[in-house]
Protein backbone atom coordinates (compact mmCIF):
# COMPACT_ATOMS: atom_id res chain seq x y z
CA MET A 1 17.31 -28.45 -6.28
CA LYS A 2 18.35 -30.19 -3.09
CA ASP A 3 18.78 -30.05 0.48
CA ILE A 4 16.57 -27.04 0.69
CA LYS A 5 14.29 -28.12 3.24
CA LYS A 6 17.03 -29.47 5.24
CA TYR A 7 18.83 -26.18 4.72
CA ILE A 8 15.64 -24.39 6.19
CA ASP A 9 14.74 -26.77 8.72
CA GLN A 10 18.35 -26.41 10.10
CA HIS A 11 18.19 -22.57 10.16
CA LYS A 12 14.31 -21.77 10.67
CA ASP A 13 14.90 -20.32 14.39
CA ARG A 14 17.56 -18.08 13.08
CA PHE A 15 15.53 -16.85 10.15
CA LEU A 16 12.46 -16.05 12.48
CA ASN A 17 14.73 -14.13 15.06
CA GLU A 18 16.27 -11.94 12.57
CA LEU A 19 12.85 -11.18 10.91
CA ILE A 20 11.68 -10.53 14.78
CA GLU A 21 14.79 -8.17 15.18
CA LEU A 22 13.96 -6.20 11.99
CA LEU A 23 10.21 -5.86 12.85
CA LYS A 24 11.63 -4.33 16.36
CA ILE A 25 12.41 -1.11 14.09
CA PRO A 26 9.55 1.37 13.78
CA SER A 27 10.18 2.33 10.08
CA ILE A 28 7.13 4.47 9.36
CA SER A 29 8.01 6.50 6.33
CA ALA A 30 4.93 8.67 6.71
CA ASP A 31 6.10 10.23 9.82
CA SER A 32 9.11 12.27 10.06
CA ALA A 33 9.53 11.49 13.94
CA TYR A 34 10.79 8.21 12.43
CA LYS A 35 13.19 9.25 10.43
CA LYS A 36 16.34 7.85 12.40
CA ASP A 37 14.52 4.14 12.50
CA VAL A 38 13.93 4.27 8.78
CA LEU A 39 17.48 4.50 7.85
CA LYS A 40 18.30 2.46 10.78
CA THR A 41 16.12 -0.43 8.72
CA ALA A 42 18.36 0.58 5.52
CA ASP A 43 21.53 -0.13 7.21
CA GLU A 44 20.21 -3.65 8.56
CA ILE A 45 18.96 -4.75 5.37
CA LYS A 46 22.52 -3.64 3.69
CA SER A 47 24.37 -5.82 6.30
CA SER A 48 21.65 -8.77 5.37
CA LEU A 49 22.35 -8.54 2.22
CA GLU A 50 25.76 -8.94 2.59
CA LYS A 51 25.62 -11.91 4.91
CA ALA A 52 23.39 -13.68 2.06
CA GLY A 53 26.04 -13.38 -0.19
CA CYS A 54 25.28 -10.39 -2.28
CA GLU A 55 28.22 -8.04 -3.64
CA ASN A 56 28.10 -4.43 -4.63
CA VAL A 57 25.66 -3.75 -1.64
CA GLU A 58 25.24 -0.17 -1.27
CA ILE A 59 22.62 2.55 0.32
CA CYS A 60 21.95 4.78 -2.51
CA GLN A 61 20.83 8.00 -1.47
CA THR A 62 17.61 9.81 -2.84
CA LYS A 63 15.65 13.22 -2.24
CA GLY A 64 13.92 10.78 0.70
CA TYR A 65 14.82 7.41 2.01
CA PRO A 66 17.52 5.52 0.87
CA ILE A 67 17.51 2.38 -2.06
CA VAL A 68 19.48 -0.27 -0.64
CA TYR A 69 20.82 -2.16 -3.79
CA GLY A 70 22.97 -5.24 -4.00
CA ASP A 71 23.62 -7.87 -6.59
CA LYS A 72 25.16 -11.58 -7.37
CA ILE A 73 26.45 -11.54 -11.16
CA ILE A 74 27.94 -15.16 -11.52
CA ASP A 75 27.72 -15.14 -15.19
CA LYS A 76 26.46 -12.23 -17.81
CA ASN A 77 25.24 -14.61 -19.98
CA LEU A 78 22.61 -16.18 -17.50
CA PRO A 79 19.41 -14.68 -16.95
CA THR A 80 18.78 -11.71 -14.57
CA VAL A 81 16.20 -11.62 -11.73
CA LEU A 82 15.62 -8.15 -10.32
CA VAL A 83 14.03 -8.54 -6.44
CA TYR A 84 11.95 -5.58 -5.02
CA GLY A 85 10.67 -4.99 -1.81
CA HIS A 86 10.20 -2.27 0.75
CA TYR A 87 11.53 -1.84 4.29
CA ASP A 88 9.42 0.80 5.25
CA VAL A 89 5.74 0.21 7.13
CA GLN A 90 2.62 2.04 7.89
CA PRO A 91 1.84 3.86 10.98
CA PRO A 92 0.67 1.41 13.68
CA ASP A 93 -2.68 3.70 14.65
CA PRO A 94 -4.95 2.80 16.20
CA ILE A 95 -2.27 1.78 19.02
CA ASN A 96 -5.28 0.65 21.27
CA LEU A 97 -6.79 -2.03 19.06
CA TRP A 98 -3.48 -3.92 19.12
CA ASP A 99 -3.53 -7.04 21.36
CA SER A 100 0.42 -6.58 21.68
CA PRO A 101 2.70 -3.78 21.10
CA PRO A 102 3.08 -3.47 17.18
CA PHE A 103 6.92 -2.81 17.41
CA GLU A 104 7.21 -5.64 19.84
CA PRO A 105 6.88 -8.90 17.70
CA VAL A 106 5.35 -12.05 19.17
CA ILE A 107 4.76 -15.58 17.76
CA LYS A 108 1.09 -16.53 18.82
CA LYS A 109 -1.00 -19.67 17.61
CA THR A 110 -4.16 -19.20 15.89
CA GLU A 111 -6.73 -21.26 14.41
CA LEU A 112 -5.68 -20.32 10.83
CA HIS A 113 -1.91 -20.58 11.82
CA PRO A 114 -1.61 -23.80 14.51
CA GLU A 115 2.34 -23.46 14.01
CA GLY A 116 2.17 -19.67 14.91
CA ALA A 117 2.36 -16.27 13.50
CA ILE A 118 4.27 -13.41 13.89
CA PHE A 119 2.14 -10.48 15.05
CA ALA A 120 3.95 -6.81 14.38
CA ARG A 121 3.72 -4.15 12.04
CA GLY A 122 5.29 -5.04 8.72
CA ALA A 123 4.89 -8.89 9.63
CA CYS A 124 3.50 -9.30 6.36
CA ASP A 125 3.62 -5.87 4.36
CA ASP A 126 6.52 -6.11 3.47
CA LYS A 127 9.30 -6.77 5.67
CA GLY A 128 8.51 -10.27 6.26
CA GLN A 129 7.96 -11.31 2.55
CA MET A 130 11.11 -9.09 1.57
CA TYR A 131 13.44 -10.77 3.86
CA MET A 132 12.00 -14.16 2.29
CA HIS A 133 13.89 -13.32 -0.61
CA VAL A 134 16.99 -12.42 1.48
CA LYS A 135 16.94 -15.81 2.84
CA ALA A 136 16.28 -17.66 -0.07
CA MET A 137 19.32 -15.81 -1.39
CA GLU A 138 21.49 -16.97 1.43
CA LEU A 139 19.98 -20.59 1.12
CA MET A 140 20.93 -20.75 -2.64
CA THR A 141 24.56 -19.09 -2.05
CA GLN A 142 25.35 -21.35 1.00
CA THR A 143 24.26 -24.53 -0.88
CA ASN A 144 25.86 -23.49 -4.17
CA GLN A 145 22.57 -23.63 -5.99
CA LEU A 146 22.29 -20.25 -7.26
CA PRO A 147 21.51 -20.55 -10.93
CA CYS A 148 21.48 -17.03 -12.39
CA ASN A 149 22.01 -13.13 -11.63
CA VAL A 150 20.21 -11.67 -9.13
CA LYS A 151 20.00 -8.08 -8.03
CA PHE A 152 18.08 -6.64 -5.33
CA MET A 153 16.58 -3.23 -5.03
CA ILE A 154 14.82 -2.32 -1.67
CA GLU A 155 13.56 0.71 -1.40
CA GLY A 156 11.85 2.94 1.96
CA GLU A 157 9.16 5.05 0.89
CA GLU A 158 6.49 2.31 -0.37
CA GLU A 159 3.85 3.45 1.89
CA VAL A 160 4.09 6.85 0.88
CA GLY A 161 3.95 6.89 -2.89
CA SER A 162 7.74 5.93 -3.78
CA ALA A 163 8.30 9.29 -4.81
CA SER A 164 12.29 8.91 -5.07
CA LEU A 165 12.10 5.55 -6.58
CA ALA A 166 10.91 6.73 -9.59
CA ASP A 167 13.71 9.05 -10.27
CA PHE A 168 16.01 6.34 -9.46
CA VAL A 169 14.88 3.76 -11.84
CA LYS A 170 14.93 6.57 -14.43
CA GLU A 171 18.81 7.43 -13.71
CA ASN A 172 20.02 3.68 -13.18
CA HIS A 173 18.81 1.81 -16.34
CA GLU A 174 21.90 -0.23 -16.68
CA LYS A 175 22.50 -0.82 -13.14
CA LEU A 176 18.62 -2.33 -12.82
CA SER A 177 18.68 -4.00 -16.04
CA ASN A 178 17.04 -7.68 -15.76
CA ASP A 179 15.11 -10.24 -17.68
CA VAL A 180 12.42 -10.48 -14.85
CA ILE A 181 11.41 -8.46 -11.51
CA LEU A 182 10.15 -10.57 -8.70
CA ILE A 183 8.08 -9.05 -6.18
CA SER A 184 6.44 -10.90 -2.76
CA ASP A 185 4.07 -7.96 -1.70
CA THR A 186 0.47 -9.45 -2.53
CA GLY A 187 -1.26 -12.67 -1.04
CA MET A 188 -2.49 -16.09 -2.43
CA ILE A 189 -5.79 -17.22 -2.08
CA ALA A 190 -5.05 -19.82 1.03
CA LYS A 191 -2.49 -22.05 2.75
CA ASP A 192 -3.76 -24.75 0.73
CA THR A 193 -4.44 -22.90 -2.20
CA PRO A 194 -1.66 -21.02 -3.91
CA SER A 195 -2.05 -18.25 -6.53
CA ILE A 196 -0.25 -15.93 -8.51
CA THR A 197 -1.51 -12.51 -8.77
CA THR A 198 -1.76 -11.22 -12.21
CA GLY A 199 -3.27 -7.84 -11.72
CA LEU A 200 -3.14 -4.77 -9.53
CA ARG A 201 -5.37 -1.95 -9.23
CA GLY A 202 -3.85 1.49 -9.72
CA LEU A 203 -4.24 4.02 -7.10
CA SER A 204 -5.30 8.01 -6.79
CA TYR A 205 -5.07 9.38 -3.27
CA VAL A 206 -6.30 12.75 -2.39
CA GLU A 207 -7.01 15.12 0.51
CA VAL A 208 -10.18 17.22 1.02
CA GLU A 209 -10.63 20.53 2.81
CA VAL A 210 -14.05 22.37 3.44
CA THR A 211 -13.56 25.72 4.84
CA GLY A 212 -16.84 27.65 6.40
CA PRO A 213 -16.44 30.93 8.73
CA ASN A 214 -13.25 32.33 9.74
CA ARG A 215 -13.08 30.71 13.24
CA ASP A 216 -15.03 27.85 15.02
CA LEU A 217 -18.61 29.25 16.42
CA HIS A 218 -20.98 28.87 18.86
CA SER A 219 -23.11 26.10 17.41
CA GLY A 220 -26.40 27.79 19.51
CA LEU A 221 -25.59 31.38 18.71
CA TYR A 222 -24.79 30.30 15.09
CA GLY A 223 -26.11 26.68 14.04
CA GLY A 224 -28.92 26.92 11.17
CA ALA A 225 -27.37 30.39 10.34
CA VAL A 226 -23.84 29.57 8.58
CA ALA A 227 -22.56 26.31 6.70
CA ASN A 228 -21.49 23.67 8.78
CA PRO A 229 -18.07 22.40 7.07
CA ILE A 230 -18.44 18.87 8.75
CA ASN A 231 -22.11 18.57 7.65
CA VAL A 232 -21.09 19.95 4.21
CA LEU A 233 -18.33 17.64 3.93
CA THR A 234 -20.06 14.67 4.92
CA LYS A 235 -22.82 15.42 2.58
CA MET A 236 -20.21 16.06 -0.62
CA ILE A 237 -18.68 12.56 0.22
CA ALA A 238 -22.14 10.62 0.41
CA SER A 239 -23.08 12.00 -3.08
CA LEU A 240 -19.76 10.73 -4.70
CA HIS A 241 -21.83 6.95 -4.62
CA ASP A 242 -25.31 6.55 -6.11
CA GLU A 243 -27.89 4.04 -4.73
CA ASN A 244 -25.98 1.20 -6.60
CA ASN A 245 -22.86 2.47 -5.23
CA HIS A 246 -21.85 3.48 -8.36
CA ILE A 247 -19.34 6.17 -8.25
CA THR A 248 -20.85 9.42 -9.55
CA ILE A 249 -17.61 11.56 -10.72
CA PRO A 250 -18.45 12.32 -14.61
CA GLY A 251 -16.03 10.53 -16.70
CA PHE A 252 -14.71 7.99 -13.78
CA TYR A 253 -16.13 4.92 -15.74
CA ASP A 254 -14.87 6.06 -19.16
CA ASN A 255 -11.54 3.99 -19.77
CA VAL A 256 -12.83 1.13 -17.26
CA GLU A 257 -11.76 -2.52 -18.52
CA GLU A 258 -14.84 -4.46 -18.59
CA LEU A 259 -13.80 -8.17 -18.31
CA SER A 260 -15.79 -10.78 -20.60
CA THR A 261 -18.59 -13.06 -19.14
CA GLU A 262 -16.05 -15.83 -19.84
CA GLU A 263 -13.39 -14.11 -17.90
CA ARG A 264 -15.44 -13.42 -14.92
CA ALA A 265 -16.58 -17.22 -15.20
CA GLU A 266 -12.74 -18.02 -14.77
CA MET A 267 -12.61 -15.74 -11.81
CA ALA A 268 -15.19 -17.57 -10.31
CA LYS A 269 -13.64 -20.83 -9.93
CA ALA A 270 -11.41 -19.39 -7.21
CA PRO A 271 -12.15 -20.98 -3.69
CA PHE A 272 -14.09 -18.84 -1.95
CA SER A 273 -16.84 -18.90 1.16
CA LEU A 274 -19.19 -15.83 1.49
CA GLU A 275 -19.87 -16.77 4.79
CA ASN A 276 -16.12 -17.52 6.14
CA TYR A 277 -15.42 -13.71 4.79
CA LYS A 278 -18.05 -12.47 6.70
CA LYS A 279 -17.32 -14.57 9.79
CA ALA A 280 -13.76 -13.15 9.43
CA LEU A 281 -14.53 -9.83 9.62
CA ASP A 282 -17.65 -10.09 12.09
CA ILE A 283 -20.10 -8.49 9.79
CA ASP A 284 -23.69 -9.82 8.64
CA ALA A 285 -23.68 -8.68 5.15
CA VAL A 286 -21.20 -7.65 2.23
CA TYR A 287 -21.71 -4.25 0.56
CA GLY A 288 -20.61 -2.71 -2.79
CA GLU A 289 -21.32 -1.92 -6.37
CA ALA A 290 -24.29 -3.69 -7.95
CA GLY A 291 -24.25 -6.29 -10.25
CA TYR A 292 -20.59 -7.56 -9.04
CA SER A 293 -19.43 -10.36 -6.85
CA THR A 294 -17.59 -9.63 -3.71
CA ASN A 295 -14.26 -10.90 -5.54
CA GLU A 296 -15.07 -8.75 -8.41
CA ARG A 297 -15.80 -5.73 -6.40
CA ASN A 298 -12.53 -5.55 -4.95
CA SER A 299 -10.09 -6.63 -7.70
CA ILE A 300 -11.56 -5.73 -11.13
CA ARG A 301 -13.88 -2.91 -10.23
CA PRO A 302 -12.53 0.63 -9.45
CA THR A 303 -13.61 1.72 -5.84
CA LEU A 304 -13.80 5.05 -3.82
CA ASP A 305 -13.14 4.97 -0.11
CA VAL A 306 -12.77 7.64 2.85
CA ASN A 307 -9.75 6.54 4.83
CA GLY A 308 -9.99 9.41 7.37
CA ILE A 309 -12.35 12.26 8.40
CA TRP A 310 -11.80 14.99 11.04
CA GLY A 311 -12.94 18.69 12.17
CA GLY A 312 -14.27 20.01 15.22
CA TYR A 313 -14.12 18.68 18.84
CA THR A 314 -13.12 15.08 19.24
CA GLY A 315 -12.00 15.25 22.90
CA GLU A 316 -13.68 13.93 26.42
CA GLY A 317 -17.09 15.59 27.09
CA ALA A 318 -18.85 18.24 25.27
CA LYS A 319 -17.86 21.04 23.35
CA THR A 320 -20.74 22.86 21.40
CA VAL A 321 -19.07 24.33 18.14
CA ILE A 322 -19.34 24.63 14.63
CA ALA A 323 -16.11 24.01 13.38
CA SER A 324 -14.30 26.57 10.96
CA GLN A 325 -12.96 23.24 9.00
CA ALA A 326 -13.27 19.64 7.98
CA PHE A 327 -11.01 17.48 6.30
CA ALA A 328 -11.06 14.00 4.72
CA LYS A 329 -8.61 11.41 3.09
CA ILE A 330 -10.01 9.71 0.18
CA SER A 331 -8.44 6.68 -2.00
CA MET A 332 -9.38 5.73 -5.03
CA ARG A 333 -8.49 2.25 -6.39
CA LEU A 334 -8.46 2.13 -10.19
CA VAL A 335 -8.24 -0.77 -12.88
CA PRO A 336 -6.45 -1.04 -16.09
CA ASN A 337 -6.61 1.84 -18.44
CA GLN A 338 -7.71 4.20 -15.66
CA ASP A 339 -5.20 6.85 -15.77
CA TRP A 340 -4.57 8.10 -11.74
CA LYS A 341 -3.72 11.46 -12.89
CA GLU A 342 -6.78 11.77 -14.99
CA ILE A 343 -8.72 10.26 -12.56
CA THR A 344 -7.37 13.07 -9.57
CA GLN A 345 -8.20 15.67 -11.85
CA LEU A 346 -11.62 14.57 -12.58
CA PHE A 347 -12.16 14.28 -8.73
CA LYS A 348 -10.69 17.48 -8.00
CA LYS A 349 -13.06 19.26 -10.96
CA HIS A 350 -16.21 17.29 -9.50
CA PHE A 351 -15.58 17.88 -5.97
CA GLU A 352 -14.86 21.71 -6.21
CA SER A 353 -18.02 21.78 -8.57
CA ILE A 354 -20.60 20.50 -5.64
CA ALA A 355 -19.71 22.57 -2.99
CA PRO A 356 -22.47 24.59 -2.15
CA LYS A 357 -21.94 28.43 -1.42
CA GLY A 358 -20.91 29.35 1.83
CA VAL A 359 -17.85 27.18 2.10
CA THR A 360 -14.66 27.03 0.08
CA VAL A 361 -13.13 23.29 -0.90
CA LYS A 362 -9.39 22.70 -1.45
CA VAL A 363 -8.32 19.30 -3.06
CA THR A 364 -4.61 18.09 -2.46
CA PRO A 365 -3.28 15.29 -4.37
CA HIS A 366 -0.93 13.07 -2.54
CA HIS A 367 0.31 10.13 -4.86
CA GLY A 368 -0.79 7.53 -7.21
CA GLY A 369 -0.06 4.84 -9.50
CA GLN A 370 -1.41 2.91 -12.61
CA GLY A 371 -2.97 -0.37 -12.59
CA TYR A 372 -1.40 -3.41 -13.93
CA VAL A 373 -1.98 -6.96 -15.70
CA THR A 374 0.48 -9.27 -16.56
CA PRO A 375 0.33 -12.21 -18.86
CA ILE A 376 0.10 -15.78 -18.12
CA ASP A 377 2.00 -16.99 -20.84
CA SER A 378 5.39 -15.54 -20.07
CA ILE A 379 8.21 -17.58 -18.95
CA GLY A 380 8.24 -15.71 -15.61
CA TYR A 381 4.76 -16.68 -14.90
CA LYS A 382 5.28 -20.54 -16.05
CA ALA A 383 8.42 -20.40 -13.59
CA ALA A 384 6.53 -18.94 -10.75
CA SER A 385 3.88 -21.63 -11.24
CA LYS A 386 6.20 -24.74 -11.42
CA ALA A 387 7.89 -23.20 -8.67
CA TYR A 388 4.39 -23.40 -6.45
CA THR A 389 3.49 -26.95 -8.19
CA ASP A 390 6.51 -28.38 -6.65
CA THR A 391 6.50 -26.59 -2.94
CA PHE A 392 2.48 -26.80 -2.77
CA GLY A 393 1.73 -29.69 -4.50
CA LYS A 394 -1.13 -27.78 -6.58
CA THR A 395 -1.18 -25.56 -9.69
CA PRO A 396 -1.37 -22.21 -8.72
CA ILE A 397 -4.43 -20.23 -9.63
CA PRO A 398 -4.11 -16.69 -11.52
CA GLN A 399 -5.70 -13.82 -9.26
CA ARG A 400 -6.08 -10.47 -9.83
CA SER A 401 -5.58 -8.47 -6.62
CA GLY A 402 -7.45 -5.27 -5.23
CA GLY A 403 -4.16 -3.92 -4.04
CA SER A 404 -1.83 -1.40 -5.50
CA ILE A 405 1.92 -1.27 -6.51
CA PRO A 406 2.33 1.87 -8.08
CA ILE A 407 5.91 1.30 -9.23
CA VAL A 408 5.12 -1.95 -11.16
CA SER A 409 3.53 -0.01 -14.53
CA LEU A 410 6.73 2.28 -13.82
CA PHE A 411 9.34 -0.76 -14.22
CA GLU A 412 7.58 -1.89 -17.26
CA LYS A 413 7.98 1.68 -18.59
CA GLU A 414 11.62 2.25 -17.69
CA LEU A 415 13.44 -1.00 -17.68
CA LYS A 416 10.83 -2.91 -20.02
CA SER A 417 10.44 -5.79 -17.85
CA LYS A 418 7.76 -8.05 -16.68
CA THR A 419 6.76 -8.44 -13.26
CA ILE A 420 5.85 -11.86 -11.44
CA LEU A 421 3.92 -11.35 -8.27
CA MET A 422 4.62 -14.33 -5.82
CA GLY A 423 3.18 -13.31 -2.66
CA PHE A 424 2.70 -15.80 0.37
CA GLY A 425 0.55 -13.53 2.63
CA LEU A 426 -3.15 -14.09 3.27
CA ASP A 427 -6.28 -11.58 2.98
CA SER A 428 -6.69 -12.21 6.92
CA ASP A 429 -3.09 -11.08 7.89
CA ALA A 430 -4.61 -7.76 8.93
CA ILE A 431 -1.80 -5.60 6.57
CA HIS A 432 -2.55 -1.80 7.50
CA SER A 433 -4.53 -2.96 10.52
CA PRO A 434 -4.23 -3.70 14.16
CA ASN A 435 -2.66 -6.90 14.75
CA GLU A 436 -0.76 -7.33 11.68
CA HIS A 437 0.31 -10.88 11.43
CA PHE A 438 2.54 -13.41 8.89
CA GLY A 439 2.14 -17.08 9.54
CA VAL A 440 5.55 -18.87 10.21
CA TRP A 441 4.60 -21.84 7.99
CA ASN A 442 3.89 -18.91 5.00
CA TYR A 443 7.19 -17.35 5.60
CA LEU A 444 9.13 -20.32 5.66
CA LYS A 445 7.08 -21.67 2.47
CA GLY A 446 8.05 -18.54 0.71
CA ILE A 447 11.85 -19.08 1.58
CA GLU A 448 11.49 -22.79 0.25
CA THR A 449 9.24 -21.78 -2.99
CA ILE A 450 11.74 -18.80 -4.41
CA PRO A 451 14.52 -21.03 -5.08
CA TYR A 452 12.44 -22.98 -7.21
CA PHE A 453 11.57 -19.69 -9.25
CA TYR A 454 15.17 -19.25 -10.06
CA HIS A 455 15.85 -22.75 -11.20
CA TYR A 456 12.71 -22.81 -13.41
CA PHE A 457 12.99 -19.21 -14.67
CA THR A 458 16.63 -20.04 -15.81
CA GLU A 459 16.06 -23.49 -17.08
CA LEU A 460 13.08 -21.92 -19.22
CA ASN A 461 15.49 -19.46 -20.73
CA LYS A 462 18.00 -21.83 -22.18
């Protein structure tokens, strides 16, 4: 491997400007009002792959948003790496909490990023991290250092459950055949502490609806005489955890993987400051399931959280009504061996069973996916470890993530391939939140590290 840093230094301004232009497009897959923008982003990704040296680049239509595919097959006897990423982003709400407009990217210096960070929706999740792979591809083709075959599959529905991707993968086994799948949609422990994500939690996402009277009622005339759907909903939600923050749904923990004392001890070796964690979030105490550390609660334990709740009057001033309906969106992060479809049904059955008389309850499943664990003795993991060691000067730490990438388990089932998760984001990057950002240093470090993965993966497969 040669001239990697030199090439990045020569082109870093262009690399940043290209990403900034991509971040300006509001490719919000959850909101149909942005359909044209999502499709425009797919066109931009297609153009970027072509410029990076890919061949057979195409926009593959699906029932939903298209998947952008491209490849570079230099020798069928060499290994093939399949790169996955997504070009859609989360809605930016609440807009008023952004320090700068979410789709007007700016580079600002911060205490953690003195060299600057790009502030924009999608900066880290996942446009910035996905685009590292495009630029790494360009680097390898332009410097004649591509050691193996590469395929790209970039989708536009990850933030809404990847519904179309499942069919695409099932229908294109040969097209997508590979020896390893490479994804950067995760993070690392710190800028000076590289890590490789070895586990992901699964996900079950539902919406609940509680209906009482057939119309909104005057709270003076009817208050105390009929069930208030908002009061009922909040009580029902509160009952889903006990005093130890243990989830109360019958059967919820039946298949939860319990890590050994030794495994938990290894996890505890990862650098972590509880005080810095609280300071970064401006909280005076952490909260969660009794008997587990903060890092265990957000990685190896399942959770249940309300993501949104509404009903009644929320405008300015007062309106004394008992709402006819109340709603909430609830997500459950699951650990390996928990089947998301089974958990969804357990939730539905339990939530309906605890509804008091006087209201009706409706549970609508949205999407979900299985958890995933990848072995650290595979060639792919070893190649990633060597790559990080070369560019960071430190051996990366294996780490389980609290996030979910539901399609990873699908890839293994359909394509029979292991996935390597090489993330360069940080927990502080505020993904899914206002002021999402991605460090310029992290972005360029990813472009530098990825080519080493290809080099070592090819070398270890000889």
